[in-house]
């Protein structure tokens, strides 16, 4: 297993201008990471108006990673494939455009969401999932087939409150009609729907192409500043009402070593990207998280 960092962990530093993406690549490599995931929130690789892909910038990023000895391994983007009519067609086309960017980056994997993170809980029931499963599967299949033509496997991540949980993840994986669709398992996100991270690994590791490693504080009492959806460092609530907040890996309440051991025992030998979304200073938190992940891996 190769351990690295998602650029999402440093998002606030990049967004504020304190660190460019190129500097972030150097910094991640200097912490001993082997791989890095790109999440284009604080940066982008195309013109926002024309959509023209900035191939010059992409060449710079690829060269910087090569010079740093760091492998870029995944590209993760937002998506909402539960729209209707023309809006749905535009969203599928937009995500396919992101696939093209991933291909230009030389990446063989790209994760895209299925539903909006802030989809209301009252519209995220099992009945809603069953009703919308054909639409989700059709859209994901179209994107995955486009990815296959570009040499990019599309990945499903258990993210948010709608397409999350082992049952729903497996249902969608089985419904997508292509061999170019895989799973990016997030060991932290699974607690958003009140499931155990280690149990999820045991059940789903054999289907994983990649893993996000994440830690949370978990509380049953109201900490006083929680909302339902704002998870960028603040407390938010699980589907079952628990209070969650992002933590430095190994300092939260999730049993990260047990999840990593379950991955190893299941024969997973793929890439792991750490996602930090807590309140601590991002560079410090990411460095500690990387060190802890390596220490856990060495001990199992």
C-alpha atoms as a PDB file:
ATOM      1  CA  UNK A   1       0.000   0.000   0.000  1.00  0.00           C
ATOM      2  CA  UNK A   2       1.274   3.437  -0.948  1.00  0.00           C
ATOM      3  CA  UNK A   3       0.334   6.289   1.369  1.00  0.00           C
ATOM      4  CA  UNK A   4      -0.156   9.873   0.301  1.00  0.00           C
ATOM      5  CA  UNK A   5      -2.271  12.969   0.691  1.00  0.00           C
ATOM      6  CA  UNK A   6      -5.250  14.511  -1.041  1.00  0.00           C
ATOM      7  CA  UNK A   7      -4.779  18.140  -2.058  1.00  0.00           C
ATOM      8  CA  UNK A   8      -8.141  18.659  -0.352  1.00  0.00           C
ATOM      9  CA  UNK A   9      -6.265  18.484   2.960  1.00  0.00           C
ATOM     10  CA  UNK A  10      -4.403  21.679   2.016  1.00  0.00           C
ATOM     11  CA  UNK A  11      -7.355  23.327   0.312  1.00  0.00           C
ATOM     12  CA  UNK A  12      -7.583  26.342   2.593  1.00  0.00           C
ATOM     13  CA  UNK A  13      -3.862  27.095   2.158  1.00  0.00           C
ATOM     14  CA  UNK A  14      -4.106  26.931  -1.632  1.00  0.00           C
ATOM     15  CA  UNK A  15      -7.357  28.903  -1.732  1.00  0.00           C
ATOM     16  CA  UNK A  16      -5.875  31.698   0.382  1.00  0.00           C
ATOM     17  CA  UNK A  17      -2.735  31.927  -1.749  1.00  0.00           C
ATOM     18  CA  UNK A  18      -0.420  30.838   1.054  1.00  0.00           C
ATOM     19  CA  UNK A  19       0.572  27.818  -1.035  1.00  0.00           C
ATOM     20  CA  UNK A  20       0.230  27.256  -4.776  1.00  0.00           C
ATOM     21  CA  UNK A  21      -0.593  23.838  -6.164  1.00  0.00           C
ATOM     22  CA  UNK A  22       2.980  23.501  -7.404  1.00  0.00           C
ATOM     23  CA  UNK A  23       4.283  24.379  -3.947  1.00  0.00           C
ATOM     24  CA  UNK A  24       1.804  21.933  -2.429  1.00  0.00           C
ATOM     25  CA  UNK A  25       3.225  19.146  -4.580  1.00  0.00           C
ATOM     26  CA  UNK A  26       6.731  19.943  -3.321  1.00  0.00           C
ATOM     27  CA  UNK A  27       5.494  20.118   0.266  1.00  0.00           C
ATOM     28  CA  UNK A  28       3.631  16.799   0.082  1.00  0.00           C
ATOM     29  CA  UNK A  29       6.686  15.084  -1.382  1.00  0.00           C
ATOM     30  CA  UNK A  30       8.892  16.582   1.338  1.00  0.00           C
ATOM     31  CA  UNK A  31       6.681  14.936   3.980  1.00  0.00           C
ATOM     32  CA  UNK A  32       7.549  11.543   2.518  1.00  0.00           C
ATOM     33  CA  UNK A  33       4.243  10.911   0.761  1.00  0.00           C
ATOM     34  CA  UNK A  34       4.379   8.466  -2.127  1.00  0.00           C
ATOM     35  CA  UNK A  35       1.220   9.574  -3.934  1.00  0.00           C
ATOM     36  CA  UNK A  36      -1.059  12.602  -4.206  1.00  0.00           C
ATOM     37  CA  UNK A  37      -4.681  13.043  -5.188  1.00  0.00           C
ATOM     38  CA  UNK A  38      -5.829  16.223  -6.946  1.00  0.00           C
ATOM     39  CA  UNK A  39      -9.151  17.805  -5.945  1.00  0.00           C
ATOM     40  CA  UNK A  40      -9.846  20.956  -8.010  1.00  0.00           C
ATOM     41  CA  UNK A  41     -11.595  23.110  -5.442  1.00  0.00           C
ATOM     42  CA  UNK A  42      -8.971  25.813  -4.890  1.00  0.00           C
ATOM     43  CA  UNK A  43      -7.518  25.466  -8.388  1.00  0.00           C
ATOM     44  CA  UNK A  44      -8.689  24.359 -11.814  1.00  0.00           C
ATOM     45  CA  UNK A  45      -7.232  23.145 -15.077  1.00  0.00           C
ATOM     46  CA  UNK A  46      -9.593  24.832 -17.526  1.00  0.00           C
ATOM     47  CA  UNK A  47     -10.975  28.253 -18.339  1.00  0.00           C
ATOM     48  CA  UNK A  48     -14.192  28.815 -16.343  1.00  0.00           C
ATOM     49  CA  UNK A  49     -15.894  30.536 -19.278  1.00  0.00           C
ATOM     50  CA  UNK A  50     -14.773  28.639 -22.373  1.00  0.00           C
ATOM     51  CA  UNK A  51     -13.950  25.334 -20.729  1.00  0.00           C
ATOM     52  CA  UNK A  52     -10.667  25.179 -22.666  1.00  0.00           C
ATOM     53  CA  UNK A  53      -8.258  22.856 -20.909  1.00  0.00           C
ATOM     54  CA  UNK A  54      -5.029  24.558 -19.819  1.00  0.00           C
ATOM     55  CA  UNK A  55      -2.592  21.982 -21.147  1.00  0.00           C
ATOM     56  CA  UNK A  56       0.377  24.221 -20.363  1.00  0.00           C
ATOM     57  CA  UNK A  57      -0.484  24.327 -16.674  1.00  0.00           C
ATOM     58  CA  UNK A  58      -1.148  20.596 -16.692  1.00  0.00           C
ATOM     59  CA  UNK A  59       2.342  19.990 -18.111  1.00  0.00           C
ATOM     60  CA  UNK A  60       3.789  22.105 -15.298  1.00  0.00           C
ATOM     61  CA  UNK A  61       1.915  20.114 -12.669  1.00  0.00           C
ATOM     62  CA  UNK A  62       2.923  16.765 -14.150  1.00  0.00           C
ATOM     63  CA  UNK A  63       6.564  17.828 -14.401  1.00  0.00           C
ATOM     64  CA  UNK A  64       6.599  19.198 -10.858  1.00  0.00           C
ATOM     65  CA  UNK A  65       5.292  15.888  -9.529  1.00  0.00           C
ATOM     66  CA  UNK A  66       7.897  13.935 -11.528  1.00  0.00           C
ATOM     67  CA  UNK A  67      10.693  16.185 -10.271  1.00  0.00           C
ATOM     68  CA  UNK A  68       9.473  15.733  -6.696  1.00  0.00           C
ATOM     69  CA  UNK A  69       9.267  11.945  -7.030  1.00  0.00           C
ATOM     70  CA  UNK A  70       5.552  12.020  -6.291  1.00  0.00           C
ATOM     71  CA  UNK A  71       2.964  10.071  -8.291  1.00  0.00           C
ATOM     72  CA  UNK A  72      -0.373  11.708  -9.042  1.00  0.00           C
ATOM     73  CA  UNK A  73      -2.968   8.947  -8.691  1.00  0.00           C
ATOM     74  CA  UNK A  74      -6.519  10.297  -8.748  1.00  0.00           C
ATOM     75  CA  UNK A  75      -8.684  13.281  -9.626  1.00  0.00           C
ATOM     76  CA  UNK A  76     -11.839  13.871  -7.537  1.00  0.00           C
ATOM     77  CA  UNK A  77     -14.677  16.171  -8.562  1.00  0.00           C
ATOM     78  CA  UNK A  78     -18.143  17.122  -7.373  1.00  0.00           C
ATOM     79  CA  UNK A  79     -21.219  16.110  -9.329  1.00  0.00           C
ATOM     80  CA  UNK A  80     -24.986  15.896  -9.002  1.00  0.00           C
ATOM     81  CA  UNK A  81     -26.408  13.327 -11.394  1.00  0.00           C
ATOM     82  CA  UNK A  82     -29.929  13.537 -10.000  1.00  0.00           C
ATOM     83  CA  UNK A  83     -31.024  16.428 -12.185  1.00  0.00           C
ATOM     84  CA  UNK A  84     -33.679  16.232 -14.880  1.00  0.00           C
ATOM     85  CA  UNK A  85     -33.831  16.838 -18.622  1.00  0.00           C
ATOM     86  CA  UNK A  86     -31.414  19.353 -20.108  1.00  0.00           C
ATOM     87  CA  UNK A  87     -29.846  20.056 -16.708  1.00  0.00           C
ATOM     88  CA  UNK A  88     -28.936  16.376 -16.379  1.00  0.00           C
ATOM     89  CA  UNK A  89     -27.439  16.297 -19.877  1.00  0.00           C
ATOM     90  CA  UNK A  90     -25.310  19.353 -19.073  1.00  0.00           C
ATOM     91  CA  UNK A  91     -24.110  17.766 -15.842  1.00  0.00           C
ATOM     92  CA  UNK A  92     -23.125  14.507 -17.538  1.00  0.00           C
ATOM     93  CA  UNK A  93     -21.276  16.507 -20.212  1.00  0.00           C
ATOM     94  CA  UNK A  94     -19.510  18.555 -17.539  1.00  0.00           C
ATOM     95  CA  UNK A  95     -18.314  15.449 -15.707  1.00  0.00           C
ATOM     96  CA  UNK A  96     -17.140  13.912 -18.986  1.00  0.00           C
ATOM     97  CA  UNK A  97     -15.147  17.117 -19.513  1.00  0.00           C
ATOM     98  CA  UNK A  98     -13.546  16.508 -16.118  1.00  0.00           C
ATOM     99  CA  UNK A  99     -12.660  13.000 -17.340  1.00  0.00           C
ATOM    100  CA  UNK A 100     -10.854  14.665 -20.248  1.00  0.00           C
ATOM    101  CA  UNK A 101      -8.884  16.777 -17.775  1.00  0.00           C
ATOM    102  CA  UNK A 102      -7.952  13.663 -15.797  1.00  0.00           C
ATOM    103  CA  UNK A 103      -6.730  12.053 -19.019  1.00  0.00           C
ATOM    104  CA  UNK A 104      -4.599  15.116 -19.832  1.00  0.00           C
ATOM    105  CA  UNK A 105      -3.124  14.867 -16.345  1.00  0.00           C
ATOM    106  CA  UNK A 106      -2.078  11.317 -17.193  1.00  0.00           C
ATOM    107  CA  UNK A 107      -4.311   9.849 -14.503  1.00  0.00           C
ATOM    108  CA  UNK A 108      -6.004   6.477 -14.802  1.00  0.00           C
ATOM    109  CA  UNK A 109      -8.651   7.109 -12.125  1.00  0.00           C
ATOM    110  CA  UNK A 110     -11.230   9.800 -11.417  1.00  0.00           C
ATOM    111  CA  UNK A 111     -13.822   9.930  -8.659  1.00  0.00           C
ATOM    112  CA  UNK A 112     -17.042  11.807  -9.249  1.00  0.00           C
ATOM    113  CA  UNK A 113     -19.998  12.255  -6.930  1.00  0.00           C
ATOM    114  CA  UNK A 114     -23.464  10.964  -7.753  1.00  0.00           C
ATOM    115  CA  UNK A 115     -25.559  13.348  -5.664  1.00  0.00           C
ATOM    116  CA  UNK A 116     -25.087  16.729  -4.056  1.00  0.00           C
ATOM    117  CA  UNK A 117     -23.589  16.550  -0.571  1.00  0.00           C
ATOM    118  CA  UNK A 118     -26.334  18.806   0.769  1.00  0.00           C
ATOM    119  CA  UNK A 119     -29.240  16.778  -0.601  1.00  0.00           C
ATOM    120  CA  UNK A 120     -31.935  17.109   2.097  1.00  0.00           C
ATOM    121  CA  UNK A 121     -32.173  14.115   4.399  1.00  0.00           C
ATOM    122  CA  UNK A 122     -35.928  13.896   3.850  1.00  0.00           C
ATOM    123  CA  UNK A 123     -35.153  13.270   0.158  1.00  0.00           C
ATOM    124  CA  UNK A 124     -32.446  10.719   0.895  1.00  0.00           C
ATOM    125  CA  UNK A 125     -34.543   7.806   2.084  1.00  0.00           C
ATOM    126  CA  UNK A 126     -34.187   4.221   0.924  1.00  0.00           C
ATOM    127  CA  UNK A 127     -37.317   4.680  -1.192  1.00  0.00           C
ATOM    128  CA  UNK A 128     -35.693   7.686  -2.895  1.00  0.00           C
ATOM    129  CA  UNK A 129     -32.582   5.633  -3.538  1.00  0.00           C
ATOM    130  CA  UNK A 130     -34.518   2.771  -5.101  1.00  0.00           C
ATOM    131  CA  UNK A 131     -36.521   5.155  -7.279  1.00  0.00           C
ATOM    132  CA  UNK A 132     -33.440   6.985  -8.543  1.00  0.00           C
ATOM    133  CA  UNK A 133     -31.093   4.006  -8.872  1.00  0.00           C
ATOM    134  CA  UNK A 134     -31.765   3.502 -12.617  1.00  0.00           C
ATOM    135  CA  UNK A 135     -31.021   7.177 -13.317  1.00  0.00           C
ATOM    136  CA  UNK A 136     -27.834   7.093 -11.246  1.00  0.00           C
ATOM    137  CA  UNK A 137     -26.649   3.903 -12.914  1.00  0.00           C
ATOM    138  CA  UNK A 138     -27.363   5.210 -16.407  1.00  0.00           C
ATOM    139  CA  UNK A 139     -25.487   8.478 -15.846  1.00  0.00           C
ATOM    140  CA  UNK A 140     -22.526   6.757 -14.174  1.00  0.00           C
ATOM    141  CA  UNK A 141     -22.389   4.227 -17.016  1.00  0.00           C
ATOM    142  CA  UNK A 142     -22.268   6.976 -19.647  1.00  0.00           C
ATOM    143  CA  UNK A 143     -19.433   8.743 -17.831  1.00  0.00           C
ATOM    144  CA  UNK A 144     -17.555   5.505 -17.249  1.00  0.00           C
ATOM    145  CA  UNK A 145     -17.775   4.520 -20.905  1.00  0.00           C
ATOM    146  CA  UNK A 146     -16.396   7.940 -21.869  1.00  0.00           C
ATOM    147  CA  UNK A 147     -13.633   7.358 -19.338  1.00  0.00           C
ATOM    148  CA  UNK A 148     -12.847   3.986 -20.841  1.00  0.00           C
ATOM    149  CA  UNK A 149     -12.245   5.642 -24.206  1.00  0.00           C
ATOM    150  CA  UNK A 150      -9.842   8.065 -22.492  1.00  0.00           C
ATOM    151  CA  UNK A 151      -8.088   5.437 -20.362  1.00  0.00           C
ATOM    152  CA  UNK A 152      -9.622   6.722 -17.107  1.00  0.00           C
ATOM    153  CA  UNK A 153     -11.553   4.478 -14.697  1.00  0.00           C
ATOM    154  CA  UNK A 154     -14.377   6.312 -12.930  1.00  0.00           C
ATOM    155  CA  UNK A 155     -14.831   5.659  -9.231  1.00  0.00           C
ATOM    156  CA  UNK A 156     -17.749   5.782  -6.836  1.00  0.00           C
ATOM    157  CA  UNK A 157     -17.019   7.151  -3.359  1.00  0.00           C
ATOM    158  CA  UNK A 158     -19.272   6.637  -0.371  1.00  0.00           C
ATOM    159  CA  UNK A 159     -19.807  10.358   0.135  1.00  0.00           C
ATOM    160  CA  UNK A 160     -22.485  12.377   1.841  1.00  0.00           C
ATOM    161  CA  UNK A 161     -25.757  10.865   3.018  1.00  0.00           C
ATOM    162  CA  UNK A 162     -27.449   9.541  -0.099  1.00  0.00           C
ATOM    163  CA  UNK A 163     -25.006   7.249  -1.918  1.00  0.00           C
ATOM    164  CA  UNK A 164     -23.280   6.049   1.225  1.00  0.00           C
ATOM    165  CA  UNK A 165     -23.448   2.929   3.349  1.00  0.00           C
ATOM    166  CA  UNK A 166     -22.373  -0.538   2.244  1.00  0.00           C
ATOM    167  CA  UNK A 167     -25.738  -1.658   0.876  1.00  0.00           C
ATOM    168  CA  UNK A 168     -26.282   1.403  -1.310  1.00  0.00           C
ATOM    169  CA  UNK A 169     -22.698   1.425  -2.539  1.00  0.00           C
ATOM    170  CA  UNK A 170     -22.896  -2.199  -3.626  1.00  0.00           C
ATOM    171  CA  UNK A 171     -26.289  -1.689  -5.261  1.00  0.00           C
ATOM    172  CA  UNK A 172     -24.928   1.112  -7.441  1.00  0.00           C
ATOM    173  CA  UNK A 173     -21.660  -0.658  -8.249  1.00  0.00           C
ATOM    174  CA  UNK A 174     -23.658  -3.677  -9.439  1.00  0.00           C
ATOM    175  CA  UNK A 175     -26.090  -1.545 -11.440  1.00  0.00           C
ATOM    176  CA  UNK A 176     -23.477   0.307 -13.514  1.00  0.00           C
ATOM    177  CA  UNK A 177     -23.092  -1.576 -16.787  1.00  0.00           C
ATOM    178  CA  UNK A 178     -19.354  -1.323 -17.455  1.00  0.00           C
ATOM    179  CA  UNK A 179     -16.119  -2.893 -16.250  1.00  0.00           C
ATOM    180  CA  UNK A 180     -14.614   0.583 -16.001  1.00  0.00           C
ATOM    181  CA  UNK A 181     -16.359   1.544 -12.772  1.00  0.00           C
ATOM    182  CA  UNK A 182     -14.797   0.975  -9.370  1.00  0.00           C
ATOM    183  CA  UNK A 183     -14.887   1.978  -5.723  1.00  0.00           C
ATOM    184  CA  UNK A 184     -12.995   4.596  -3.784  1.00  0.00           C
ATOM    185  CA  UNK A 185     -13.754   3.621  -0.191  1.00  0.00           C
ATOM    186  CA  UNK A 186     -13.653   6.435   2.349  1.00  0.00           C
ATOM    187  CA  UNK A 187     -13.124   4.923   5.788  1.00  0.00           C
ATOM    188  CA  UNK A 188     -14.272   8.118   7.483  1.00  0.00           C
ATOM    189  CA  UNK A 189     -17.324   8.985   5.405  1.00  0.00           C
ATOM    190  CA  UNK A 190     -18.965   5.690   6.301  1.00  0.00           C
ATOM    191  CA  UNK A 191     -19.671   7.021   9.823  1.00  0.00           C
ATOM    192  CA  UNK A 192     -21.776   9.787   8.245  1.00  0.00           C
ATOM    193  CA  UNK A 193     -24.402   7.077   7.863  1.00  0.00           C
ATOM    194  CA  UNK A 194     -23.577   5.506  11.238  1.00  0.00           C
ATOM    195  CA  UNK A 195     -21.716   2.450   9.936  1.00  0.00           C
ATOM    196  CA  UNK A 196     -18.430   1.098  11.282  1.00  0.00           C
ATOM    197  CA  UNK A 197     -15.313   1.876   9.248  1.00  0.00           C
ATOM    198  CA  UNK A 198     -13.545  -1.429   9.881  1.00  0.00           C
ATOM    199  CA  UNK A 199     -16.660  -3.462   9.071  1.00  0.00           C
ATOM    200  CA  UNK A 200     -17.041  -1.501   5.835  1.00  0.00           C
ATOM    201  CA  UNK A 201     -13.450  -2.321   4.888  1.00  0.00           C
ATOM    202  CA  UNK A 202     -14.010  -6.025   5.549  1.00  0.00           C
ATOM    203  CA  UNK A 203     -17.085  -5.971   3.352  1.00  0.00           C
ATOM    204  CA  UNK A 204     -15.891  -3.741   0.504  1.00  0.00           C
ATOM    205  CA  UNK A 205     -12.087  -3.986   0.318  1.00  0.00           C
ATOM    206  CA  UNK A 206     -12.189  -6.572  -2.458  1.00  0.00           C
ATOM    207  CA  UNK A 207     -13.951  -4.004  -4.663  1.00  0.00           C
ATOM    208  CA  UNK A 208     -11.635  -1.075  -3.864  1.00  0.00           C
ATOM    209  CA  UNK A 209      -9.478   0.621  -6.452  1.00  0.00           C
ATOM    210  CA  UNK A 210      -8.366   3.257  -3.946  1.00  0.00           C
ATOM    211  CA  UNK A 211      -8.961   4.354  -0.347  1.00  0.00           C
ATOM    212  CA  UNK A 212      -9.474   7.671   1.418  1.00  0.00           C
ATOM    213  CA  UNK A 213      -8.240   7.497   4.990  1.00  0.00           C
ATOM    214  CA  UNK A 214      -9.948   9.927   7.348  1.00  0.00           C
ATOM    215  CA  UNK A 215     -10.585  10.375  11.060  1.00  0.00           C
ATOM    216  CA  UNK A 216     -13.453  11.990  12.961  1.00  0.00           C
ATOM    217  CA  UNK A 217     -14.346  12.944  16.478  1.00  0.00           C
ATOM    218  CA  UNK A 218     -17.689  11.350  17.299  1.00  0.00           C
ATOM    219  CA  UNK A 219     -20.023  12.667  20.010  1.00  0.00           C
ATOM    220  CA  UNK A 220     -23.554  11.906  21.093  1.00  0.00           C
ATOM    221  CA  UNK A 221     -24.046  15.204  22.947  1.00  0.00           C
ATOM    222  CA  UNK A 222     -24.526  18.539  21.191  1.00  0.00           C
ATOM    223  CA  UNK A 223     -21.138  20.376  21.152  1.00  0.00           C
ATOM    224  CA  UNK A 224     -22.966  23.678  20.667  1.00  0.00           C
ATOM    225  CA  UNK A 225     -21.915  24.748  17.168  1.00  0.00           C
ATOM    226  CA  UNK A 226     -23.098  21.944  14.910  1.00  0.00           C
ATOM    227  CA  UNK A 227     -24.967  22.115  11.617  1.00  0.00           C
ATOM    228  CA  UNK A 228     -26.195  19.364   9.336  1.00  0.00           C
ATOM    229  CA  UNK A 229     -23.879  19.805   6.380  1.00  0.00           C
ATOM    230  CA  UNK A 230     -20.956  22.170   7.080  1.00  0.00           C
ATOM    231  CA  UNK A 231     -18.105  19.711   7.554  1.00  0.00           C
ATOM    232  CA  UNK A 232     -15.096  21.893   6.690  1.00  0.00           C
ATOM    233  CA  UNK A 233     -13.735  21.741  10.222  1.00  0.00           C
ATOM    234  CA  UNK A 234     -16.979  22.353  12.087  1.00  0.00           C
ATOM    235  CA  UNK A 235     -19.216  19.847  13.811  1.00  0.00           C
ATOM    236  CA  UNK A 236     -21.893  18.320  11.633  1.00  0.00           C
ATOM    237  CA  UNK A 237     -24.399  15.514  12.129  1.00  0.00           C
ATOM    238  CA  UNK A 238     -24.551  11.953  10.888  1.00  0.00           C
ATOM    239  CA  UNK A 239     -27.693  10.596   9.293  1.00  0.00           C
ATOM    240  CA  UNK A 240     -28.595   9.063  12.667  1.00  0.00           C
ATOM    241  CA  UNK A 241     -27.939  12.293  14.586  1.00  0.00           C
ATOM    242  CA  UNK A 242     -24.421  11.805  15.988  1.00  0.00           C
ATOM    243  CA  UNK A 243     -22.082  14.781  16.027  1.00  0.00           C
ATOM    244  CA  UNK A 244     -18.956  14.518  13.860  1.00  0.00           C
ATOM    245  CA  UNK A 245     -15.914  16.725  13.333  1.00  0.00           C
ATOM    246  CA  UNK A 246     -12.814  16.113  11.258  1.00  0.00           C
ATOM    247  CA  UNK A 247      -9.692  15.112  13.194  1.00  0.00           C
ATOM    248  CA  UNK A 248      -5.990  14.631  12.604  1.00  0.00           C
ATOM    249  CA  UNK A 249      -5.578  11.014  11.531  1.00  0.00           C
ATOM    250  CA  UNK A 250      -5.036   8.883  14.619  1.00  0.00           C
ATOM    251  CA  UNK A 251      -6.267  11.512  17.066  1.00  0.00           C
ATOM    252  CA  UNK A 252     -10.002  11.089  16.528  1.00  0.00           C
ATOM    253  CA  UNK A 253     -12.411   8.413  17.665  1.00  0.00           C
ATOM    254  CA  UNK A 254     -12.226   6.081  14.663  1.00  0.00           C
ATOM    255  CA  UNK A 255     -10.070   2.968  14.897  1.00  0.00           C
ATOM    256  CA  UNK A 256      -7.790   3.840  11.992  1.00  0.00           C
ATOM    257  CA  UNK A 257      -5.200   1.097  12.703  1.00  0.00           C
ATOM    258  CA  UNK A 258      -7.962  -1.535  12.683  1.00  0.00           C
ATOM    259  CA  UNK A 259      -9.265  -0.269   9.344  1.00  0.00           C
ATOM    260  CA  UNK A 260      -5.754  -0.348   7.873  1.00  0.00           C
ATOM    261  CA  UNK A 261      -5.193  -3.869   9.180  1.00  0.00           C
ATOM    262  CA  UNK A 262      -8.489  -4.941   7.629  1.00  0.00           C
ATOM    263  CA  UNK A 263      -7.315  -3.523   4.309  1.00  0.00           C
ATOM    264  CA  UNK A 264      -4.045  -5.415   4.550  1.00  0.00           C
ATOM    265  CA  UNK A 265      -5.763  -8.639   5.613  1.00  0.00           C
ATOM    266  CA  UNK A 266      -8.144  -8.340   2.652  1.00  0.00           C
ATOM    267  CA  UNK A 267      -5.191  -8.170   0.275  1.00  0.00           C
ATOM    268  CA  UNK A 268      -5.616  -4.518  -0.686  1.00  0.00           C
ATOM    269  CA  UNK A 269      -2.330  -3.243  -2.098  1.00  0.00           C
ATOM    270  CA  UNK A 270      -3.556  -0.056  -3.750  1.00  0.00           C
ATOM    271  CA  UNK A 271      -3.134   3.637  -3.030  1.00  0.00           C
ATOM    272  CA  UNK A 272      -4.305   5.451   0.086  1.00  0.00           C
ATOM    273  CA  UNK A 273      -4.864   9.217   0.170  1.00  0.00           C
ATOM    274  CA  UNK A 274      -5.355  10.905   3.533  1.00  0.00           C
ATOM    275  CA  UNK A 275      -8.093  13.521   3.743  1.00  0.00           C
ATOM    276  CA  UNK A 276      -7.893  16.018   6.596  1.00  0.00           C
ATOM    277  CA  UNK A 277     -10.829  18.371   7.158  1.00  0.00           C
ATOM    278  CA  UNK A 278     -10.486  19.409  10.782  1.00  0.00           C
ATOM    279  CA  UNK A 279      -9.929  22.703  12.607  1.00  0.00           C
ATOM    280  CA  UNK A 280      -6.165  22.422  13.081  1.00  0.00           C
ATOM    281  CA  UNK A 281      -3.637  24.199  10.858  1.00  0.00           C
ATOM    282  CA  UNK A 282      -3.708  22.136   7.635  1.00  0.00           C
ATOM    283  CA  UNK A 283       0.038  21.693   7.025  1.00  0.00           C
ATOM    284  CA  UNK A 284       0.679  20.632  10.609  1.00  0.00           C
ATOM    285  CA  UNK A 285      -2.350  18.353  10.659  1.00  0.00           C
ATOM    286  CA  UNK A 286      -1.454  16.760   7.315  1.00  0.00           C
ATOM    287  CA  UNK A 287       2.147  16.116   8.355  1.00  0.00           C
ATOM    288  CA  UNK A 288       1.065  14.437  11.597  1.00  0.00           C
ATOM    289  CA  UNK A 289      -1.574  12.445   9.718  1.00  0.00           C
ATOM    290  CA  UNK A 290       0.992  11.151   7.228  1.00  0.00           C
ATOM    291  CA  UNK A 291       3.382  10.173  10.005  1.00  0.00           C
ATOM    292  CA  UNK A 292       0.634   8.385  11.901  1.00  0.00           C
ATOM    293  CA  UNK A 293      -0.524   6.483   8.808  1.00  0.00           C
ATOM    294  CA  UNK A 294       3.000   5.222   8.157  1.00  0.00           C
ATOM    295  CA  UNK A 295       3.419   4.280  11.795  1.00  0.00           C
ATOM    296  CA  UNK A 296       0.136   2.336  11.778  1.00  0.00           C
ATOM    297  CA  UNK A 297       1.065   0.558   8.546  1.00  0.00           C
ATOM    298  CA  UNK A 298       4.450  -0.452   9.967  1.00  0.00           C
ATOM    299  CA  UNK A 299       2.795  -1.926  13.063  1.00  0.00           C
ATOM    300  CA  UNK A 300       0.268  -4.208  11.364  1.00  0.00           C
END
